[in-house]
C-alpha atoms as a PDB file:
ATOM      1  CA  MET A   1     187.594  88.315  73.564  1.00  0.00           C
ATOM      2  CA  HIS A   2     185.578  91.142  72.142  1.00  0.00           C
ATOM      3  CA  GLU A   3     186.863  94.774  72.634  1.00  0.00           C
ATOM      4  CA  LEU A   4     184.954  97.752  73.526  1.00  0.00           C
ATOM      5  CA  THR A   5     184.343  99.612  70.302  1.00  0.00           C
ATOM      6  CA  PRO A   6     183.759 103.531  70.682  1.00  0.00           C
ATOM      7  CA  ASN A   7     180.434 104.742  69.103  1.00  0.00           C
ATOM      8  CA  CYS A   8     180.439 108.455  68.491  1.00  0.00           C
ATOM      9  CA  SER A   9     176.776 108.652  67.766  1.00  0.00           C
ATOM     10  CA  ARG A  10     174.527 109.905  70.511  1.00  0.00           C
ATOM     11  CA  PRO A  11     173.455 106.881  72.551  1.00  0.00           C
ATOM     12  CA  SER A  12     169.957 106.309  73.574  1.00  0.00           C
ATOM     13  CA  SER A  13     169.274 106.632  77.344  1.00  0.00           C
ATOM     14  CA  GLY A  14     169.160 102.760  77.577  1.00  0.00           C
ATOM     15  CA  ARG A  15     172.603 102.336  75.907  1.00  0.00           C
ATOM     16  CA  ALA A  16     174.090 105.183  77.833  1.00  0.00           C
ATOM     17  CA  LEU A  17     173.156 103.436  81.028  1.00  0.00           C
ATOM     18  CA  ALA A  18     174.426 100.229  79.954  1.00  0.00           C
ATOM     19  CA  ALA A  19     177.823 101.849  79.010  1.00  0.00           C
ATOM     20  CA  LEU A  20     178.133 103.529  82.390  1.00  0.00           C
ATOM     21  CA  LEU A  21     177.528 100.209  84.228  1.00  0.00           C
ATOM     22  CA  LEU A  22     180.002  98.561  81.948  1.00  0.00           C
ATOM     23  CA  GLY A  23     182.644 101.171  82.678  1.00  0.00           C
ATOM     24  CA  ALA A  24     182.134 100.948  86.448  1.00  0.00           C
ATOM     25  CA  LEU A  25     182.744  97.141  86.126  1.00  0.00           C
ATOM     26  CA  VAL A  26     185.925  97.611  84.022  1.00  0.00           C
ATOM     27  CA  HIS A  27     187.476 100.178  86.262  1.00  0.00           C
ATOM     28  CA  SER A  28     186.565  98.037  89.401  1.00  0.00           C
ATOM     29  CA  GLY A  29     188.938  95.347  87.950  1.00  0.00           C
ATOM     30  CA  CYS A  30     186.492  93.033  86.559  1.00  0.00           C
ATOM     31  CA  ASN A  31     187.743  91.347  83.394  1.00  0.00           C
ATOM     32  CA  LEU A  32     184.644  92.018  81.411  1.00  0.00           C
ATOM     33  CA  ALA A  33     184.437  93.537  77.947  1.00  0.00           C
ATOM     34  CA  PHE A  34     182.159  93.080  74.968  1.00  0.00           C
ATOM     35  CA  ASP A  35     180.887  94.915  72.066  1.00  0.00           C
ATOM     36  CA  LEU A  36     177.626  96.881  72.642  1.00  0.00           C
ATOM     37  CA  GLN A  37     176.731  96.557  69.039  1.00  0.00           C
ATOM     38  CA  ASP A  38     176.486  92.829  69.436  1.00  0.00           C
ATOM     39  CA  TYR A  39     173.846  93.294  72.143  1.00  0.00           C
ATOM     40  CA  PRO A  40     171.807  96.229  71.020  1.00  0.00           C
ATOM     41  CA  TYR A  41     169.027  97.451  73.436  1.00  0.00           C
ATOM     42  CA  ARG A  42     165.902  98.385  71.689  1.00  0.00           C
ATOM     43  CA  ALA A  43     163.367 100.237  73.815  1.00  0.00           C
ATOM     44  CA  PRO A  44     159.696 100.174  72.522  1.00  0.00           C
ATOM     45  CA  GLU A  45     158.100 103.222  71.162  1.00  0.00           C
ATOM     46  CA  PRO A  46     157.392 105.611  74.111  1.00  0.00           C
ATOM     47  CA  ASP A  47     153.600 105.603  73.895  1.00  0.00           C
ATOM     48  CA  ALA A  48     152.752 102.770  71.533  1.00  0.00           C
ATOM     49  CA  ASP A  49     150.610 100.739  73.985  1.00  0.00           C
ATOM     50  CA  LEU A  50     148.918 103.850  75.241  1.00  0.00           C
ATOM     51  CA  HIS A  51     148.250 105.118  71.713  1.00  0.00           C
ATOM     52  CA  ALA A  52     146.628 101.752  70.687  1.00  0.00           C
ATOM     53  CA  ASP A  53     144.511 101.880  73.947  1.00  0.00           C
ATOM     54  CA  THR A  54     143.490 105.457  73.143  1.00  0.00           C
ATOM     55  CA  GLU A  55     142.388 104.335  69.648  1.00  0.00           C
ATOM     56  CA  LEU A  56     140.394 101.539  71.035  1.00  0.00           C
ATOM     57  CA  ASP A  57     138.545 103.663  73.521  1.00  0.00           C
ATOM     58  CA  ALA A  58     137.869 106.343  70.879  1.00  0.00           C
ATOM     59  CA  SER A  59     136.205 103.789  68.558  1.00  0.00           C
ATOM     60  CA  HIS A  60     134.546 101.725  71.461  1.00  0.00           C
ATOM     61  CA  PRO A  61     133.555 104.169  74.153  1.00  0.00           C
ATOM     62  CA  ASP A  62     132.730 101.462  76.573  1.00  0.00           C
ATOM     63  CA  GLY A  63     136.005  99.611  75.961  1.00  0.00           C
ATOM     64  CA  ASP A  64     135.864  96.099  77.157  1.00  0.00           C
ATOM     65  CA  VAL A  65     133.532  96.905  80.230  1.00  0.00           C
ATOM     66  CA  ASP A  66     130.662  94.627  80.390  1.00  0.00           C
ATOM     67  CA  ALA A  67     127.129  96.005  80.508  1.00  0.00           C
ATOM     68  CA  PRO A  68     125.497  95.557  83.917  1.00  0.00           C
ATOM     69  CA  PRO A  69     123.089  92.584  84.150  1.00  0.00           C
ATOM     70  CA  ALA A  70     119.461  93.161  83.364  1.00  0.00           C
ATOM     71  CA  ARG A  71     117.401  93.427  86.603  1.00  0.00           C
ATOM     72  CA  ALA A  72     113.938  92.600  87.572  1.00  0.00           C
ATOM     73  CA  ALA A  73     111.536  95.377  88.501  1.00  0.00           C
ATOM     74  CA  LEU A  74     108.586  94.103  90.547  1.00  0.00           C
ATOM     75  CA  VAL A  75     105.238  95.657  91.408  1.00  0.00           C
ATOM     76  CA  PHE A  76     102.061  94.623  93.337  1.00  0.00           C
ATOM     77  CA  SER A  77      99.803  94.189  90.262  1.00  0.00           C
ATOM     78  CA  GLU A  78      96.637  92.556  91.857  1.00  0.00           C
ATOM     79  CA  LEU A  79      95.509  92.372  95.479  1.00  0.00           C
ATOM     80  CA  MET A  80      92.544  90.311  96.912  1.00  0.00           C
ATOM     81  CA  ILE A  81      92.435  91.481 100.460  1.00  0.00           C
ATOM     82  CA  HIS A  82      88.829  90.862 101.704  1.00  0.00           C
ATOM     83  CA  THR A  83      86.962  87.618 100.997  1.00  0.00           C
ATOM     84  CA  GLU A  84      83.968  86.054 102.518  1.00  0.00           C
ATOM     85  CA  PRO A  85      84.617  82.876 104.458  1.00  0.00           C
ATOM     86  CA  PRO A  86      83.563  79.694 102.845  1.00  0.00           C
ATOM     87  CA  PRO A  87      80.399  77.873 104.017  1.00  0.00           C
ATOM     88  CA  GLY A  88      80.993  76.478 107.359  1.00  0.00           C
ATOM     89  CA  GLU A  89      84.304  78.373 107.890  1.00  0.00           C
ATOM     90  CA  SER A  90      85.098  81.444 109.882  1.00  0.00           C
ATOM     91  CA  ARG A  91      88.305  82.279 108.149  1.00  0.00           C
ATOM     92  CA  GLU A  92      88.822  84.161 104.944  1.00  0.00           C
ATOM     93  CA  LEU A  93      91.022  81.773 102.715  1.00  0.00           C
ATOM     94  CA  GLY A  94      90.859  83.106  99.172  1.00  0.00           C
ATOM     95  CA  GLU A  95      93.299  86.074  99.681  1.00  0.00           C
ATOM     96  CA  TYR A  96      96.080  86.439  97.070  1.00  0.00           C
ATOM     97  CA  ILE A  97      98.742  88.681  96.015  1.00  0.00           C
ATOM     98  CA  GLU A  98      99.855  88.907  92.264  1.00  0.00           C
ATOM     99  CA  ILE A  99     103.300  90.297  91.358  1.00  0.00           C
ATOM    100  CA  LEU A 100     104.374  91.725  87.960  1.00  0.00           C
ATOM    101  CA  ASN A 101     108.015  91.877  86.586  1.00  0.00           C
ATOM    102  CA  GLN A 102     108.282  95.137  84.669  1.00  0.00           C
ATOM    103  CA  GLY A 103     112.057  94.948  84.311  1.00  0.00           C
ATOM    104  CA  GLU A 104     114.285  93.610  81.731  1.00  0.00           C
ATOM    105  CA  GLY A 105     115.682  90.505  83.730  1.00  0.00           C
ATOM    106  CA  ALA A 106     114.325  87.288  85.247  1.00  0.00           C
ATOM    107  CA  ILE A 107     114.100  86.750  89.001  1.00  0.00           C
ATOM    108  CA  ASP A 108     113.822  83.603  91.092  1.00  0.00           C
ATOM    109  CA  PRO A 109     110.611  83.677  93.127  1.00  0.00           C
ATOM    110  CA  ARG A 110     112.573  82.116  95.947  1.00  0.00           C
ATOM    111  CA  VAL A 111     114.327  85.386  96.710  1.00  0.00           C
ATOM    112  CA  ILE A 112     111.002  87.446  96.924  1.00  0.00           C
ATOM    113  CA  VAL A 113     109.772  88.292 100.363  1.00  0.00           C
ATOM    114  CA  ILE A 114     106.535  90.203 101.162  1.00  0.00           C
ATOM    115  CA  GLU A 115     106.850  91.577 104.692  1.00  0.00           C
ATOM    116  CA  ILE A 116     103.870  92.673 106.596  1.00  0.00           C
ATOM    117  CA  LEU A 117     105.278  95.524 108.643  1.00  0.00           C
ATOM    118  CA  GLU A 118     102.826  95.693 111.503  1.00  0.00           C
ATOM    119  CA  THR A 119     103.220  91.994 112.600  1.00  0.00           C
ATOM    120  CA  ASN A 120     106.701  91.134 111.089  1.00  0.00           C
ATOM    121  CA  GLU A 121     105.066  88.263 109.274  1.00  0.00           C
ATOM    122  CA  ARG A 122     106.431  87.215 105.809  1.00  0.00           C
ATOM    123  CA  ILE A 123     104.824  85.817 102.758  1.00  0.00           C
ATOM    124  CA  GLU A 124     107.390  83.819 100.867  1.00  0.00           C
ATOM    125  CA  ILE A 125     108.341  80.403  99.443  1.00  0.00           C
ATOM    126  CA  ASP A 126     108.823  78.066 102.435  1.00  0.00           C
ATOM    127  CA  ARG A 127     112.562  77.609 103.034  1.00  0.00           C
ATOM    128  CA  VAL A 128     112.205  74.477 105.156  1.00  0.00           C
ATOM    129  CA  ILE A 129     111.155  71.425 102.843  1.00  0.00           C
ATOM    130  CA  ASP A 130     110.177  68.379 104.697  1.00  0.00           C
ATOM    131  CA  THR A 131     108.480  66.061 102.142  1.00  0.00           C
ATOM    132  CA  ALA A 132     109.258  65.001  98.667  1.00  0.00           C
ATOM    133  CA  LYS A 133     105.787  66.498  97.645  1.00  0.00           C
ATOM    134  CA  GLU A 134     106.982  69.838  99.002  1.00  0.00           C
ATOM    135  CA  ARG A 135     110.234  69.664  97.178  1.00  0.00           C
ATOM    136  CA  ALA A 136     108.528  68.801  93.917  1.00  0.00           C
ATOM    137  CA  ILE A 137     106.258  71.696  94.125  1.00  0.00           C
ATOM    138  CA  VAL A 138     109.065  74.307  95.033  1.00  0.00           C
ATOM    139  CA  GLU A 139     111.478  72.819  92.465  1.00  0.00           C
ATOM    140  CA  ALA A 140     108.832  73.318  89.760  1.00  0.00           C
ATOM    141  CA  LEU A 141     108.621  76.926  90.191  1.00  0.00           C
ATOM    142  CA  GLN A 142     110.071  78.928  87.387  1.00  0.00           C
ATOM    143  CA  PRO A 143     111.827  82.311  87.165  1.00  0.00           C
ATOM    144  CA  ILE A 144     109.637  85.360  86.734  1.00  0.00           C
ATOM    145  CA  GLY A 145     110.597  86.693  83.296  1.00  0.00           C
ATOM    146  CA  PRO A 146     109.992  90.174  81.893  1.00  0.00           C
ATOM    147  CA  GLY A 147     106.278  90.759  81.579  1.00  0.00           C
ATOM    148  CA  GLU A 148     105.383  87.823  83.581  1.00  0.00           C
ATOM    149  CA  ARG A 149     103.291  87.388  86.695  1.00  0.00           C
ATOM    150  CA  PHE A 150     103.615  85.372  89.943  1.00  0.00           C
ATOM    151  CA  VAL A 151     100.692  84.729  92.464  1.00  0.00           C
ATOM    152  CA  PHE A 152     100.975  84.163  96.214  1.00  0.00           C
ATOM    153  CA  TYR A 153      97.646  82.655  97.301  1.00  0.00           C
ATOM    154  CA  ARG A 154      96.339  81.634 100.793  1.00  0.00           C
ATOM    155  CA  ARG A 155      94.961  78.300 101.616  1.00  0.00           C
ATOM    156  CA  ASN A 156      93.254  76.911  98.330  1.00  0.00           C
ATOM    157  CA  ASN A 157      89.758  76.100  98.915  1.00  0.00           C
ATOM    158  CA  ALA A 158      87.086  74.587  96.468  1.00  0.00           C
ATOM    159  CA  TYR A 159      84.690  77.416  97.273  1.00  0.00           C
ATOM    160  CA  TYR A 160      87.183  79.939  95.775  1.00  0.00           C
ATOM    161  CA  ASP A 161      88.622  77.718  93.115  1.00  0.00           C
ATOM    162  CA  ILE A 162      91.764  79.677  92.844  1.00  0.00           C
ATOM    163  CA  LYS A 163      94.414  76.932  92.284  1.00  0.00           C
ATOM    164  CA  ASP A 164      92.744  75.458  89.236  1.00  0.00           C
ATOM    165  CA  THR A 165      93.016  78.699  87.353  1.00  0.00           C
ATOM    166  CA  LEU A 166      96.589  79.252  88.042  1.00  0.00           C
ATOM    167  CA  ASP A 167      99.940  78.000  86.421  1.00  0.00           C
ATOM    168  CA  PRO A 168     101.590  75.895  89.131  1.00  0.00           C
ATOM    169  CA  THR A 169     105.101  76.974  88.024  1.00  0.00           C
ATOM    170  CA  ALA A 170     104.084  80.510  88.501  1.00  0.00           C
ATOM    171  CA  SER A 171     102.049  80.489  91.770  1.00  0.00           C
ATOM    172  CA  TYR A 172     102.495  79.280  95.399  1.00  0.00           C
ATOM    173  CA  GLU A 173     100.109  78.572  98.241  1.00  0.00           C
ATOM    174  CA  PHE A 174     101.765  80.516 101.138  1.00  0.00           C
ATOM    175  CA  GLY A 175     101.456  79.213 104.688  1.00  0.00           C
ATOM    176  CA  ARG A 176     100.548  75.757 103.315  1.00  0.00           C
ATOM    177  CA  TRP A 177     103.216  74.033 105.494  1.00  0.00           C
ATOM    178  CA  GLY A 178     103.992  76.814 107.815  1.00  0.00           C
ATOM    179  CA  ARG A 179     102.032  79.372 109.914  1.00  0.00           C
ATOM    180  CA  PRO A 180      99.334  80.842 107.702  1.00  0.00           C
ATOM    181  CA  VAL A 181      99.362  84.644 107.236  1.00  0.00           C
ATOM    182  CA  GLY A 182      96.211  86.418 107.027  1.00  0.00           C
ATOM    183  CA  LEU A 183      95.542  89.860 105.582  1.00  0.00           C
ATOM    184  CA  SER A 184      93.600  92.199 107.810  1.00  0.00           C
ATOM    185  CA  ASN A 185      90.623  93.754 106.175  1.00  0.00           C
ATOM    186  CA  PHE A 186      91.277  97.201 107.964  1.00  0.00           C
ATOM    187  CA  SER A 187      94.910  98.189 108.379  1.00  0.00           C
ATOM    188  CA  ARG A 188      98.177  96.573 107.009  1.00  0.00           C
ATOM    189  CA  SER A 189     101.212  97.613 105.232  1.00  0.00           C
ATOM    190  CA  MET A 190     103.163  95.335 102.905  1.00  0.00           C
ATOM    191  CA  ARG A 191     106.635  95.799 101.503  1.00  0.00           C
ATOM    192  CA  MET A 192     108.071  93.465  98.606  1.00  0.00           C
ATOM    193  CA  ILE A 193     111.777  92.947  98.739  1.00  0.00           C
ATOM    194  CA  GLU A 194     114.317  90.937  96.867  1.00  0.00           C
ATOM    195  CA  LEU A 195     116.956  89.195  98.996  1.00  0.00           C
ATOM    196  CA  GLU A 196     120.506  89.639  97.896  1.00  0.00           C
ATOM    197  CA  GLY A 197     123.176  87.197  99.483  1.00  0.00           C
ATOM    198  CA  ASP A 198     122.962  86.821 103.190  1.00  0.00           C
ATOM    199  CA  PHE A 199     122.220  90.446 104.344  1.00  0.00           C
ATOM    200  CA  GLY A 200     121.414  92.466 101.332  1.00  0.00           C
ATOM    201  CA  PHE A 201     118.028  93.348  99.844  1.00  0.00           C
ATOM    202  CA  VAL A 202     116.178  95.608  97.431  1.00  0.00           C
ATOM    203  CA  ILE A 203     112.879  97.265  98.010  1.00  0.00           C
ATOM    204  CA  HIS A 204     110.698  96.875  94.924  1.00  0.00           C
ATOM    205  CA  ASP A 205     107.187  98.157  95.856  1.00  0.00           C
ATOM    206  CA  GLU A 206     104.958  98.903  98.779  1.00  0.00           C
ATOM    207  CA  VAL A 207     101.105  99.037  99.566  1.00  0.00           C
ATOM    208  CA  ALA A 208      99.147  99.962 102.530  1.00  0.00           C
ATOM    209  CA  TRP A 209      95.525 100.299 103.650  1.00  0.00           C
ATOM    210  CA  ARG A 210      94.014 101.943 106.661  1.00  0.00           C
ATOM    211  CA  ASP A 211      90.460 101.701 108.056  1.00  0.00           C
ATOM    212  CA  GLY A 212      89.379  99.551 105.116  1.00  0.00           C
ATOM    213  CA  ALA A 213      90.796 101.629 102.277  1.00  0.00           C
ATOM    214  CA  LEU A 214      94.107 101.768 100.208  1.00  0.00           C
ATOM    215  CA  ILE A 215      96.352 104.612 100.984  1.00  0.00           C
ATOM    216  CA  ASP A 216      99.783 105.888  99.757  1.00  0.00           C
ATOM    217  CA  PRO A 217     102.204 104.637 102.386  1.00  0.00           C
ATOM    218  CA  SER A 218     104.611 107.468 101.531  1.00  0.00           C
ATOM    219  CA  GLY A 219     101.854 110.085 101.895  1.00  0.00           C
ATOM    220  CA  ALA A 220     102.693 111.678  98.584  1.00  0.00           C
ATOM    221  CA  SER A 221      99.136 110.842  97.141  1.00  0.00           C
ATOM    222  CA  THR A 222      95.991 111.681  99.062  1.00  0.00           C
ATOM    223  CA  ALA A 223      93.927 109.239  96.927  1.00  0.00           C
ATOM    224  CA  SER A 224      92.262 106.259  98.640  1.00  0.00           C
ATOM    225  CA  ARG A 225      90.272 103.316  97.448  1.00  0.00           C
ATOM    226  CA  GLU A 226      87.733 101.424  99.537  1.00  0.00           C
ATOM    227  CA  ILE A 227      88.268  97.609 100.139  1.00  0.00           C
ATOM    228  CA  ARG A 228      85.397  95.605  98.858  1.00  0.00           C
ATOM    229  CA  GLU A 229      84.469  92.186  99.595  1.00  0.00           C
ATOM    230  CA  ASN A 230      85.379  89.505  97.090  1.00  0.00           C
ATOM    231  CA  VAL A 231      86.645  92.258  94.604  1.00  0.00           C
ATOM    232  CA  ALA A 232      90.356  92.370  93.687  1.00  0.00           C
ATOM    233  CA  PHE A 233      92.324  95.660  92.952  1.00  0.00           C
ATOM    234  CA  GLY A 234      93.969  95.403  89.720  1.00  0.00           C
ATOM    235  CA  LEU A 235      96.906  97.706  88.695  1.00  0.00           C
ATOM    236  CA  HIS A 236      96.403  99.888  85.597  1.00  0.00           C
ATOM    237  CA  SER A 237      98.623  98.745  82.710  1.00  0.00           C
ATOM    238  CA  GLU A 238     100.484 101.986  82.520  1.00  0.00           C
ATOM    239  CA  ALA A 239     101.306 102.146  86.277  1.00  0.00           C
ATOM    240  CA  THR A 240     104.717 101.377  87.588  1.00  0.00           C
ATOM    241  CA  THR A 241     104.005 101.131  91.358  1.00  0.00           C
ATOM    242  CA  GLY A 242     101.345 100.101  93.797  1.00  0.00           C
ATOM    243  CA  ARG A 243     102.037 102.853  96.242  1.00  0.00           C
ATOM    244  CA  ASP A 244      99.434 105.258  94.801  1.00  0.00           C
ATOM    245  CA  PRO A 245      95.800 104.025  95.308  1.00  0.00           C
ATOM    246  CA  ALA A 246      94.904 105.883  92.067  1.00  0.00           C
ATOM    247  CA  ASN A 247      96.899 103.261  90.102  1.00  0.00           C
ATOM    248  CA  PHE A 248      94.334 100.458  91.140  1.00  0.00           C
ATOM    249  CA  CYS A 249      90.963  99.636  89.667  1.00  0.00           C
ATOM    250  CA  TYR A 250      88.189  97.381  90.779  1.00  0.00           C
ATOM    251  CA  HIS A 251      87.751  93.957  89.012  1.00  0.00           C
ATOM    252  CA  ARG A 252      84.414  93.273  87.603  1.00  0.00           C
ATOM    253  CA  GLU A 253      84.700  89.982  86.026  1.00  0.00           C
ATOM    254  CA  THR A 254      84.698  86.477  87.600  1.00  0.00           C
ATOM    255  CA  PHE A 255      87.695  84.184  87.050  1.00  0.00           C
ATOM    256  CA  SER A 256      86.294  80.936  88.557  1.00  0.00           C
ATOM    257  CA  SER A 257      83.211  79.149  89.810  1.00  0.00           C
ATOM    258  CA  GLY A 258      83.603  81.081  93.124  1.00  0.00           C
ATOM    259  CA  PRO A 259      82.433  84.443  94.265  1.00  0.00           C
ATOM    260  CA  LEU A 260      85.788  86.255  93.621  1.00  0.00           C
ATOM    261  CA  LEU A 261      86.178  88.967  90.957  1.00  0.00           C
ATOM    262  CA  GLY A 262      89.764  89.143  89.709  1.00  0.00           C
ATOM    263  CA  SER A 263      92.287  87.900  87.127  1.00  0.00           C
ATOM    264  CA  PRO A 264      95.116  86.244  89.150  1.00  0.00           C
ATOM    265  CA  GLY A 265      97.974  85.371  86.865  1.00  0.00           C
ATOM    266  CA  GLN A 266      96.556  87.407  83.947  1.00  0.00           C
ATOM    267  CA  PRO A 267      96.673  90.930  82.741  1.00  0.00           C
ATOM    268  CA  THR A 268      94.249  93.389  84.125  1.00  0.00           C
ATOM    269  CA  PRO A 269      91.149  93.490  82.007  1.00  0.00           C
ATOM    270  CA  ALA A 270      89.848  96.552  80.231  1.00  0.00           C
ATOM    271  CA  SER A 271      86.704  96.298  82.311  1.00  0.00           C
ATOM    272  CA  CYS A 272      88.641  97.035  85.506  1.00  0.00           C
ATOM    273  CA  ARG A 273      87.633 100.625  86.599  1.00  0.00           C
END
């Protein structure tokens, strides 16, 4: 049996606590005795881990925190609002809306919704897919990367010849399998949002027109631009929002065999004034 060996050196706090506990056990009648030197308690350096973390933080200010993911930043970059009806038709079918991603991250076009505030109608990728043909079209759509464009167009028609000029993976004929949504030539407000989960959303851009002219929906700008038949509005290359009508110009170049002037799916040309 080991005997308790006195130690005259000043005990550490851990060893002192162990000695007190041992003494209490011995005096209580327990037959327990051993040499503390055989079972030394070595406490870690007081601030060793903290010191190491401090050095890491000093040399790496962000530590191990991941950078936030790159996000898309969407703007209305081209608008075809007023078109003449095709021969034999009473409806304007050549309307389209172009979106530009000015952000640093890509975005799935399926989470983009354009709301028409006055009527509660929505322009978006159809969510109910009934046929293999519909599924093939929707599944072929690609994410909108930084600097890339996406076009929503209404009811393709040979008279306008829009579809043949567009990338099928970066465009979508809205209302093709659902209720068609028309753009009034006189007064409407459109808001572009990104859906996040079941209930969240992010507002990216807004445009509005009253009495046949673009206006600023926020009222911050007093500029206005008259809507012209078959002529698209193009966003100037340096602009970052469609809210201010001064950021738009009139297209002057044809892009197809039809009567429309614009550049859907392509950058705004220098001739746009």
